[in-house]
Amino acid sequence: MHSITVDLLSRLQTGFANAGFVLFEVKPLAALPPSIWLKPFTQQHGSLLLLGQAGKSFWPPYKASQPEGDDPVDDYSADISEQLLTEFLPKIAKQRLFPDPECPVNLMALGRELGWHTPSPLGLGIHRKYGLWSAYRALWWLDALPEREQTDASPCDEHTETTVCADCRTQDCVRRCPVEAIKYGNMPDITRCADYRYQPGSHCDNGCQARLACPVAAEHRYSDEQFNYHYDLKRSMLHQYRSAKSS
């Protein structure tokens, strides 16, 4: 079993941050609960490396790469993460688990286990530092263990859940939803949300008003170009959801 030294882990983290992946953590498989798995995984040893984007830092290096393809963000995430792992960990066996339609891991469950987010009324994870402006970008299995576990890589904790959403005094996200599709303590009403977004004159046609109203980490809100890209993907997913319901 290979070992990833503290120095190497630090240099790898810096390399990923420069590529736009400011969220980074390596966790031994043995330290993860069975609840994160969607299906059996053949490897019983080694670690998982989870990478994420947050705030505005992802979009500039992504755009500089001149992305192409049907899903350029996923392609960039897969390609760059493989390049950096090959550069820094050339002798360590590895397997990309995400982006991949057959990913065996529930990323939301893993992210919450690592402390990357806690629940929000919008059904999105909310990050202590970056609010609703973060996302999972890549997940790798590594045939290696960190020399010691990171002590500062989990930016959320149980206290965060009470201070970020449960103790929110204004609940601007709930108040700003035009069709009352979200309510604290419940999952969002996706049907009501989807139906409203496709109505003529919808206030959410170009952006979720509830998400935009959240006061947490508003300074880290995506640029207009990045926001529009992700929102178009969300709109496409909602269209597929509505089509499936009506068929």
C-alpha atoms as a PDB file:
ATOM      1  CA  MET A   1       0.000   0.000   0.000  1.00  0.00           C
ATOM      2  CA  HIS A   2       1.396   3.381  -1.023  1.00  0.00           C
ATOM      3  CA  SER A   3       1.486   6.337   1.342  1.00  0.00           C
ATOM      4  CA  ILE A   4       0.842   9.960   0.350  1.00  0.00           C
ATOM      5  CA  THR A   5       3.077  12.205   2.427  1.00  0.00           C
ATOM      6  CA  VAL A   6       1.838  15.418   3.988  1.00  0.00           C
ATOM      7  CA  ASP A   7       4.078  17.447   1.668  1.00  0.00           C
ATOM      8  CA  LEU A   8       2.859  15.623  -1.435  1.00  0.00           C
ATOM      9  CA  LEU A   9      -0.753  15.982  -0.331  1.00  0.00           C
ATOM     10  CA  SER A  10      -0.227  19.721   0.122  1.00  0.00           C
ATOM     11  CA  ARG A  11       1.340  20.113  -3.330  1.00  0.00           C
ATOM     12  CA  LEU A  12      -1.457  18.085  -4.893  1.00  0.00           C
ATOM     13  CA  GLN A  13      -4.069  20.233  -3.177  1.00  0.00           C
ATOM     14  CA  THR A  14      -2.379  23.394  -4.456  1.00  0.00           C
ATOM     15  CA  GLY A  15      -2.294  21.993  -7.989  1.00  0.00           C
ATOM     16  CA  PHE A  16      -6.001  21.266  -7.898  1.00  0.00           C
ATOM     17  CA  ALA A  17      -6.794  24.684  -6.417  1.00  0.00           C
ATOM     18  CA  ASN A  18      -4.937  26.328  -9.315  1.00  0.00           C
ATOM     19  CA  ALA A  19      -7.131  24.321 -11.700  1.00  0.00           C
ATOM     20  CA  GLY A  20     -10.297  25.598  -9.989  1.00  0.00           C
ATOM     21  CA  PHE A  21     -10.959  22.751  -7.540  1.00  0.00           C
ATOM     22  CA  VAL A  22     -10.712  24.547  -4.219  1.00  0.00           C
ATOM     23  CA  LEU A  23     -12.564  21.799  -2.351  1.00  0.00           C
ATOM     24  CA  PHE A  24     -10.282  18.801  -1.837  1.00  0.00           C
ATOM     25  CA  GLU A  25     -10.139  15.860   0.537  1.00  0.00           C
ATOM     26  CA  VAL A  26      -8.590  12.396   0.634  1.00  0.00           C
ATOM     27  CA  LYS A  27     -10.342   9.948   2.953  1.00  0.00           C
ATOM     28  CA  PRO A  28      -9.439   6.297   3.605  1.00  0.00           C
ATOM     29  CA  LEU A  29     -12.162   3.843   2.586  1.00  0.00           C
ATOM     30  CA  ALA A  30     -12.010   2.278   6.041  1.00  0.00           C
ATOM     31  CA  ALA A  31     -13.074   5.593   7.587  1.00  0.00           C
ATOM     32  CA  LEU A  32     -16.229   5.918   5.458  1.00  0.00           C
ATOM     33  CA  PRO A  33     -19.657   4.502   6.407  1.00  0.00           C
ATOM     34  CA  PRO A  34     -21.534   1.955   4.243  1.00  0.00           C
ATOM     35  CA  SER A  35     -24.312   4.516   3.721  1.00  0.00           C
ATOM     36  CA  ILE A  36     -22.308   6.421   1.086  1.00  0.00           C
ATOM     37  CA  TRP A  37     -22.354   3.494  -1.369  1.00  0.00           C
ATOM     38  CA  LEU A  38     -25.030   3.101  -4.019  1.00  0.00           C
ATOM     39  CA  LYS A  39     -23.654  -0.264  -5.151  1.00  0.00           C
ATOM     40  CA  PRO A  40     -20.853  -2.629  -4.099  1.00  0.00           C
ATOM     41  CA  PHE A  41     -17.326  -1.450  -4.838  1.00  0.00           C
ATOM     42  CA  THR A  42     -14.665  -4.002  -5.685  1.00  0.00           C
ATOM     43  CA  GLN A  43     -11.824  -2.239  -3.890  1.00  0.00           C
ATOM     44  CA  GLN A  44     -11.666  -2.800  -0.140  1.00  0.00           C
ATOM     45  CA  HIS A  45      -8.606  -0.673   0.584  1.00  0.00           C
ATOM     46  CA  GLY A  46      -7.122   2.676  -0.392  1.00  0.00           C
ATOM     47  CA  SER A  47      -8.800   6.095  -0.316  1.00  0.00           C
ATOM     48  CA  LEU A  48     -11.346   8.286  -2.026  1.00  0.00           C
ATOM     49  CA  LEU A  49     -10.330  11.697  -3.359  1.00  0.00           C
ATOM     50  CA  LEU A  50     -13.240  14.127  -3.675  1.00  0.00           C
ATOM     51  CA  LEU A  51     -12.842  17.382  -5.617  1.00  0.00           C
ATOM     52  CA  GLY A  52     -15.225  20.288  -5.817  1.00  0.00           C
ATOM     53  CA  GLN A  53     -15.656  23.772  -7.193  1.00  0.00           C
ATOM     54  CA  ALA A  54     -16.686  26.683  -5.011  1.00  0.00           C
ATOM     55  CA  GLY A  55     -17.346  30.332  -5.639  1.00  0.00           C
ATOM     56  CA  LYS A  56     -15.853  32.087  -8.648  1.00  0.00           C
ATOM     57  CA  SER A  57     -12.467  30.306  -8.773  1.00  0.00           C
ATOM     58  CA  PHE A  58     -13.464  27.438 -11.087  1.00  0.00           C
ATOM     59  CA  TRP A  59     -14.673  29.352 -14.123  1.00  0.00           C
ATOM     60  CA  PRO A  60     -11.472  31.203 -15.223  1.00  0.00           C
ATOM     61  CA  PRO A  61      -9.200  28.107 -15.502  1.00  0.00           C
ATOM     62  CA  TYR A  62     -12.071  26.132 -16.995  1.00  0.00           C
ATOM     63  CA  LYS A  63     -12.668  28.757 -19.705  1.00  0.00           C
ATOM     64  CA  ALA A  64      -8.935  29.096 -20.348  1.00  0.00           C
ATOM     65  CA  SER A  65      -8.867  25.391 -21.242  1.00  0.00           C
ATOM     66  CA  GLN A  66     -11.134  26.142 -24.243  1.00  0.00           C
ATOM     67  CA  PRO A  67     -13.553  23.330 -23.362  1.00  0.00           C
ATOM     68  CA  GLU A  68     -15.490  21.424 -25.976  1.00  0.00           C
ATOM     69  CA  GLY A  69     -17.821  18.420 -26.014  1.00  0.00           C
ATOM     70  CA  ASP A  70     -21.382  17.653 -24.973  1.00  0.00           C
ATOM     71  CA  ASP A  71     -20.658  18.231 -21.280  1.00  0.00           C
ATOM     72  CA  PRO A  72     -17.516  20.385 -21.194  1.00  0.00           C
ATOM     73  CA  VAL A  73     -17.478  20.923 -17.415  1.00  0.00           C
ATOM     74  CA  ASP A  74     -17.502  17.191 -16.759  1.00  0.00           C
ATOM     75  CA  ASP A  75     -14.931  16.633 -19.495  1.00  0.00           C
ATOM     76  CA  TYR A  76     -12.653  19.298 -18.034  1.00  0.00           C
ATOM     77  CA  SER A  77     -13.053  17.891 -14.528  1.00  0.00           C
ATOM     78  CA  ALA A  78     -12.255  14.363 -15.658  1.00  0.00           C
ATOM     79  CA  ASP A  79      -9.314  15.331 -17.870  1.00  0.00           C
ATOM     80  CA  ILE A  80      -7.608  17.807 -15.544  1.00  0.00           C
ATOM     81  CA  SER A  81      -7.995  15.633 -12.475  1.00  0.00           C
ATOM     82  CA  GLU A  82      -6.459  12.699 -14.353  1.00  0.00           C
ATOM     83  CA  GLN A  83      -3.573  14.849 -15.583  1.00  0.00           C
ATOM     84  CA  LEU A  84      -2.752  16.135 -12.110  1.00  0.00           C
ATOM     85  CA  LEU A  85      -3.000  12.723 -10.480  1.00  0.00           C
ATOM     86  CA  THR A  86      -0.746  11.245 -13.153  1.00  0.00           C
ATOM     87  CA  GLU A  87       1.742  14.056 -12.585  1.00  0.00           C
ATOM     88  CA  PHE A  88       1.804  13.934  -8.789  1.00  0.00           C
ATOM     89  CA  LEU A  89       1.007  10.259  -8.165  1.00  0.00           C
ATOM     90  CA  PRO A  90       2.447   8.437 -11.213  1.00  0.00           C
ATOM     91  CA  LYS A  91       3.077   5.125  -9.447  1.00  0.00           C
ATOM     92  CA  ILE A  92      -0.263   4.869  -7.662  1.00  0.00           C
ATOM     93  CA  ALA A  93      -3.156   2.920  -9.199  1.00  0.00           C
ATOM     94  CA  LYS A  94      -6.299   4.986  -9.537  1.00  0.00           C
ATOM     95  CA  GLN A  95      -9.855   4.817 -10.872  1.00  0.00           C
ATOM     96  CA  ARG A  96     -12.218   7.661 -11.715  1.00  0.00           C
ATOM     97  CA  LEU A  97     -15.639   7.127 -10.150  1.00  0.00           C
ATOM     98  CA  PHE A  98     -17.145  10.502 -11.097  1.00  0.00           C
ATOM     99  CA  PRO A  99     -17.974  12.012 -13.537  1.00  0.00           C
ATOM    100  CA  ASP A 100     -19.431   8.688 -14.578  1.00  0.00           C
ATOM    101  CA  PRO A 101     -23.089   7.584 -14.933  1.00  0.00           C
ATOM    102  CA  GLU A 102     -22.223   4.403 -13.025  1.00  0.00           C
ATOM    103  CA  CYS A 103     -20.680   6.176 -10.039  1.00  0.00           C
ATOM    104  CA  PRO A 104     -21.062   3.813  -7.054  1.00  0.00           C
ATOM    105  CA  VAL A 105     -21.056   6.622  -4.489  1.00  0.00           C
ATOM    106  CA  ASN A 106     -23.864   8.897  -3.319  1.00  0.00           C
ATOM    107  CA  LEU A 107     -21.972  12.181  -3.626  1.00  0.00           C
ATOM    108  CA  MET A 108     -24.385  14.078  -1.395  1.00  0.00           C
ATOM    109  CA  ALA A 109     -23.964  11.470   1.334  1.00  0.00           C
ATOM    110  CA  LEU A 110     -20.191  11.536   0.956  1.00  0.00           C
ATOM    111  CA  GLY A 111     -20.065  15.318   0.974  1.00  0.00           C
ATOM    112  CA  ARG A 112     -22.116  15.492   4.126  1.00  0.00           C
ATOM    113  CA  GLU A 113     -19.967  12.803   5.746  1.00  0.00           C
ATOM    114  CA  LEU A 114     -16.867  14.872   4.945  1.00  0.00           C
ATOM    115  CA  GLY A 115     -18.513  18.009   6.281  1.00  0.00           C
ATOM    116  CA  TRP A 116     -18.657  19.776   2.952  1.00  0.00           C
ATOM    117  CA  HIS A 117     -22.304  20.719   3.236  1.00  0.00           C
ATOM    118  CA  THR A 118     -25.433  20.544   5.334  1.00  0.00           C
ATOM    119  CA  PRO A 119     -29.050  20.531   4.055  1.00  0.00           C
ATOM    120  CA  SER A 120     -30.896  23.603   2.799  1.00  0.00           C
ATOM    121  CA  PRO A 121     -34.589  24.127   1.945  1.00  0.00           C
ATOM    122  CA  LEU A 122     -33.718  24.201  -1.766  1.00  0.00           C
ATOM    123  CA  GLY A 123     -32.564  20.585  -1.728  1.00  0.00           C
ATOM    124  CA  LEU A 124     -29.001  21.789  -2.352  1.00  0.00           C
ATOM    125  CA  GLY A 125     -26.197  21.352   0.119  1.00  0.00           C
ATOM    126  CA  ILE A 126     -25.125  24.607   1.760  1.00  0.00           C
ATOM    127  CA  HIS A 127     -21.464  25.233   2.525  1.00  0.00           C
ATOM    128  CA  ARG A 128     -20.350  27.281   5.510  1.00  0.00           C
ATOM    129  CA  LYS A 129     -17.961  29.470   3.501  1.00  0.00           C
ATOM    130  CA  TYR A 130     -19.439  29.302  -0.009  1.00  0.00           C
ATOM    131  CA  GLY A 131     -23.155  28.990   0.709  1.00  0.00           C
ATOM    132  CA  LEU A 132     -25.130  27.553  -2.210  1.00  0.00           C
ATOM    133  CA  TRP A 133     -22.262  28.197  -4.639  1.00  0.00           C
ATOM    134  CA  SER A 134     -20.325  24.938  -4.689  1.00  0.00           C
ATOM    135  CA  ALA A 135     -20.549  21.599  -6.493  1.00  0.00           C
ATOM    136  CA  TYR A 136     -18.874  18.188  -6.694  1.00  0.00           C
ATOM    137  CA  ARG A 137     -16.694  17.861  -9.757  1.00  0.00           C
ATOM    138  CA  ALA A 138     -14.642  14.639  -9.542  1.00  0.00           C
ATOM    139  CA  LEU A 139     -14.213  11.528  -7.393  1.00  0.00           C
ATOM    140  CA  TRP A 140     -11.288   9.108  -7.608  1.00  0.00           C
ATOM    141  CA  TRP A 141     -10.284   5.896  -5.897  1.00  0.00           C
ATOM    142  CA  LEU A 142      -6.573   5.836  -5.053  1.00  0.00           C
ATOM    143  CA  ASP A 143      -4.554   2.777  -4.104  1.00  0.00           C
ATOM    144  CA  ALA A 144      -2.912   4.778  -1.336  1.00  0.00           C
ATOM    145  CA  LEU A 145      -3.487   6.208   2.117  1.00  0.00           C
ATOM    146  CA  PRO A 146      -2.681   9.728   3.327  1.00  0.00           C
ATOM    147  CA  GLU A 147       0.239   9.779   5.755  1.00  0.00           C
ATOM    148  CA  ARG A 148      -2.126  11.422   8.172  1.00  0.00           C
ATOM    149  CA  GLU A 149      -5.661  12.655   7.788  1.00  0.00           C
ATOM    150  CA  GLN A 150      -6.228  16.306   6.984  1.00  0.00           C
ATOM    151  CA  THR A 151      -7.283  18.338   9.977  1.00  0.00           C
ATOM    152  CA  ASP A 152      -8.689  21.367   8.173  1.00  0.00           C
ATOM    153  CA  ALA A 153     -10.300  19.867   5.081  1.00  0.00           C
ATOM    154  CA  SER A 154     -13.868  19.619   6.405  1.00  0.00           C
ATOM    155  CA  PRO A 155     -15.314  23.127   6.233  1.00  0.00           C
ATOM    156  CA  CYS A 156     -18.710  22.270   7.735  1.00  0.00           C
ATOM    157  CA  ASP A 157     -19.810  20.600  10.937  1.00  0.00           C
ATOM    158  CA  GLU A 158     -22.997  19.867  12.853  1.00  0.00           C
ATOM    159  CA  HIS A 159     -22.960  23.383  14.304  1.00  0.00           C
ATOM    160  CA  THR A 160     -23.093  24.748  10.771  1.00  0.00           C
ATOM    161  CA  GLU A 161     -26.480  23.191  10.131  1.00  0.00           C
ATOM    162  CA  THR A 162     -28.023  25.156  12.978  1.00  0.00           C
ATOM    163  CA  THR A 163     -26.339  28.466  12.192  1.00  0.00           C
ATOM    164  CA  VAL A 164     -26.655  28.491   8.414  1.00  0.00           C
ATOM    165  CA  CYS A 165     -30.260  27.408   7.871  1.00  0.00           C
ATOM    166  CA  ALA A 166     -32.041  26.376  11.061  1.00  0.00           C
ATOM    167  CA  ASP A 167     -31.207  29.657  12.794  1.00  0.00           C
ATOM    168  CA  CYS A 168     -31.648  31.833   9.699  1.00  0.00           C
ATOM    169  CA  ARG A 169     -33.803  34.721  10.890  1.00  0.00           C
ATOM    170  CA  THR A 170     -35.035  35.966   7.522  1.00  0.00           C
ATOM    171  CA  GLN A 171     -35.462  32.752   5.488  1.00  0.00           C
ATOM    172  CA  ASP A 172     -35.177  34.879   2.365  1.00  0.00           C
ATOM    173  CA  CYS A 173     -35.050  31.785   0.148  1.00  0.00           C
ATOM    174  CA  VAL A 174     -38.464  30.637   1.385  1.00  0.00           C
ATOM    175  CA  ARG A 175     -40.026  34.090   1.141  1.00  0.00           C
ATOM    176  CA  ARG A 176     -38.707  34.768  -2.362  1.00  0.00           C
ATOM    177  CA  CYS A 177     -39.970  31.581  -4.007  1.00  0.00           C
ATOM    178  CA  PRO A 178     -42.863  32.823  -6.227  1.00  0.00           C
ATOM    179  CA  VAL A 179     -44.880  29.608  -5.893  1.00  0.00           C
ATOM    180  CA  GLU A 180     -44.051  28.500  -2.336  1.00  0.00           C
ATOM    181  CA  ALA A 181     -42.254  25.437  -3.669  1.00  0.00           C
ATOM    182  CA  ILE A 182     -39.803  25.378  -0.773  1.00  0.00           C
ATOM    183  CA  LYS A 183     -40.357  25.269   2.949  1.00  0.00           C
ATOM    184  CA  TYR A 184     -37.854  24.854   5.744  1.00  0.00           C
ATOM    185  CA  GLY A 185     -37.660  21.246   6.942  1.00  0.00           C
ATOM    186  CA  ASN A 186     -39.161  19.803   3.742  1.00  0.00           C
ATOM    187  CA  MET A 187     -37.796  18.764   0.389  1.00  0.00           C
ATOM    188  CA  PRO A 188     -38.663  21.247  -2.380  1.00  0.00           C
ATOM    189  CA  ASP A 189     -41.811  20.642  -4.415  1.00  0.00           C
ATOM    190  CA  ILE A 190     -40.073  19.900  -7.722  1.00  0.00           C
ATOM    191  CA  THR A 191     -43.318  19.614  -9.681  1.00  0.00           C
ATOM    192  CA  ARG A 192     -44.545  23.041  -8.620  1.00  0.00           C
ATOM    193  CA  CYS A 193     -41.099  24.520  -9.248  1.00  0.00           C
ATOM    194  CA  ALA A 194     -40.785  22.964 -12.719  1.00  0.00           C
ATOM    195  CA  ASP A 195     -44.297  23.938 -13.771  1.00  0.00           C
ATOM    196  CA  TYR A 196     -43.746  27.558 -12.768  1.00  0.00           C
ATOM    197  CA  ARG A 197     -40.395  27.891 -14.532  1.00  0.00           C
ATOM    198  CA  TYR A 198     -42.033  26.982 -17.831  1.00  0.00           C
ATOM    199  CA  GLN A 199     -44.933  29.423 -17.484  1.00  0.00           C
ATOM    200  CA  PRO A 200     -44.859  32.537 -19.695  1.00  0.00           C
ATOM    201  CA  GLY A 201     -43.480  35.464 -17.708  1.00  0.00           C
ATOM    202  CA  SER A 202     -41.971  33.269 -15.010  1.00  0.00           C
ATOM    203  CA  HIS A 203     -39.721  35.212 -12.628  1.00  0.00           C
ATOM    204  CA  CYS A 204     -37.501  32.118 -12.425  1.00  0.00           C
ATOM    205  CA  ASP A 205     -37.021  31.704 -16.155  1.00  0.00           C
ATOM    206  CA  ASN A 206     -33.453  33.015 -15.986  1.00  0.00           C
ATOM    207  CA  GLY A 207     -32.574  32.051 -12.436  1.00  0.00           C
ATOM    208  CA  CYS A 208     -34.028  30.555  -9.272  1.00  0.00           C
ATOM    209  CA  GLN A 209     -35.197  33.522  -7.222  1.00  0.00           C
ATOM    210  CA  ALA A 210     -35.010  31.545  -3.990  1.00  0.00           C
ATOM    211  CA  ARG A 211     -31.377  30.591  -4.544  1.00  0.00           C
ATOM    212  CA  LEU A 212     -30.425  34.115  -5.565  1.00  0.00           C
ATOM    213  CA  ALA A 213     -32.091  35.474  -2.420  1.00  0.00           C
ATOM    214  CA  CYS A 214     -30.009  33.386  -0.008  1.00  0.00           C
ATOM    215  CA  PRO A 215     -27.824  35.851   1.955  1.00  0.00           C
ATOM    216  CA  VAL A 216     -25.172  33.269   2.877  1.00  0.00           C
ATOM    217  CA  ALA A 217     -21.874  33.859   1.052  1.00  0.00           C
ATOM    218  CA  ALA A 218     -23.487  36.074  -1.580  1.00  0.00           C
ATOM    219  CA  GLU A 219     -20.013  37.400  -2.380  1.00  0.00           C
ATOM    220  CA  HIS A 220     -19.125  33.960  -3.734  1.00  0.00           C
ATOM    221  CA  ARG A 221     -22.048  33.813  -6.169  1.00  0.00           C
ATOM    222  CA  TYR A 222     -21.049  32.469  -9.575  1.00  0.00           C
ATOM    223  CA  SER A 223     -20.383  34.895 -12.400  1.00  0.00           C
ATOM    224  CA  ASP A 224     -23.329  35.464 -14.736  1.00  0.00           C
ATOM    225  CA  GLU A 225     -21.750  33.227 -17.384  1.00  0.00           C
ATOM    226  CA  GLN A 226     -21.177  30.360 -14.970  1.00  0.00           C
ATOM    227  CA  PHE A 227     -24.584  30.768 -13.360  1.00  0.00           C
ATOM    228  CA  ASN A 228     -26.304  30.696 -16.750  1.00  0.00           C
ATOM    229  CA  TYR A 229     -24.412  27.559 -17.749  1.00  0.00           C
ATOM    230  CA  HIS A 230     -25.456  25.631 -14.649  1.00  0.00           C
ATOM    231  CA  TYR A 231     -28.989  27.022 -14.768  1.00  0.00           C
ATOM    232  CA  ASP A 232     -29.431  25.879 -18.357  1.00  0.00           C
ATOM    233  CA  LEU A 233     -28.418  22.369 -17.269  1.00  0.00           C
ATOM    234  CA  LYS A 234     -30.908  22.539 -14.416  1.00  0.00           C
ATOM    235  CA  ARG A 235     -33.616  23.701 -16.811  1.00  0.00           C
ATOM    236  CA  SER A 236     -32.855  20.733 -19.073  1.00  0.00           C
ATOM    237  CA  MET A 237     -33.120  18.344 -16.126  1.00  0.00           C
ATOM    238  CA  LEU A 238     -36.452  19.862 -15.109  1.00  0.00           C
ATOM    239  CA  HIS A 239     -37.689  19.486 -18.686  1.00  0.00           C
ATOM    240  CA  GLN A 240     -36.778  15.768 -18.595  1.00  0.00           C
ATOM    241  CA  TYR A 241     -38.503  15.459 -15.207  1.00  0.00           C
ATOM    242  CA  ARG A 242     -41.720  17.025 -16.523  1.00  0.00           C
ATOM    243  CA  SER A 243     -41.607  14.885 -19.681  1.00  0.00           C
ATOM    244  CA  ALA A 244     -41.187  11.716 -17.631  1.00  0.00           C
ATOM    245  CA  LYS A 245     -44.119  12.649 -15.390  1.00  0.00           C
ATOM    246  CA  SER A 246     -46.429  13.305 -18.330  1.00  0.00           C
ATOM    247  CA  SER A 247     -45.533  10.134 -20.236  1.00  0.00           C
END
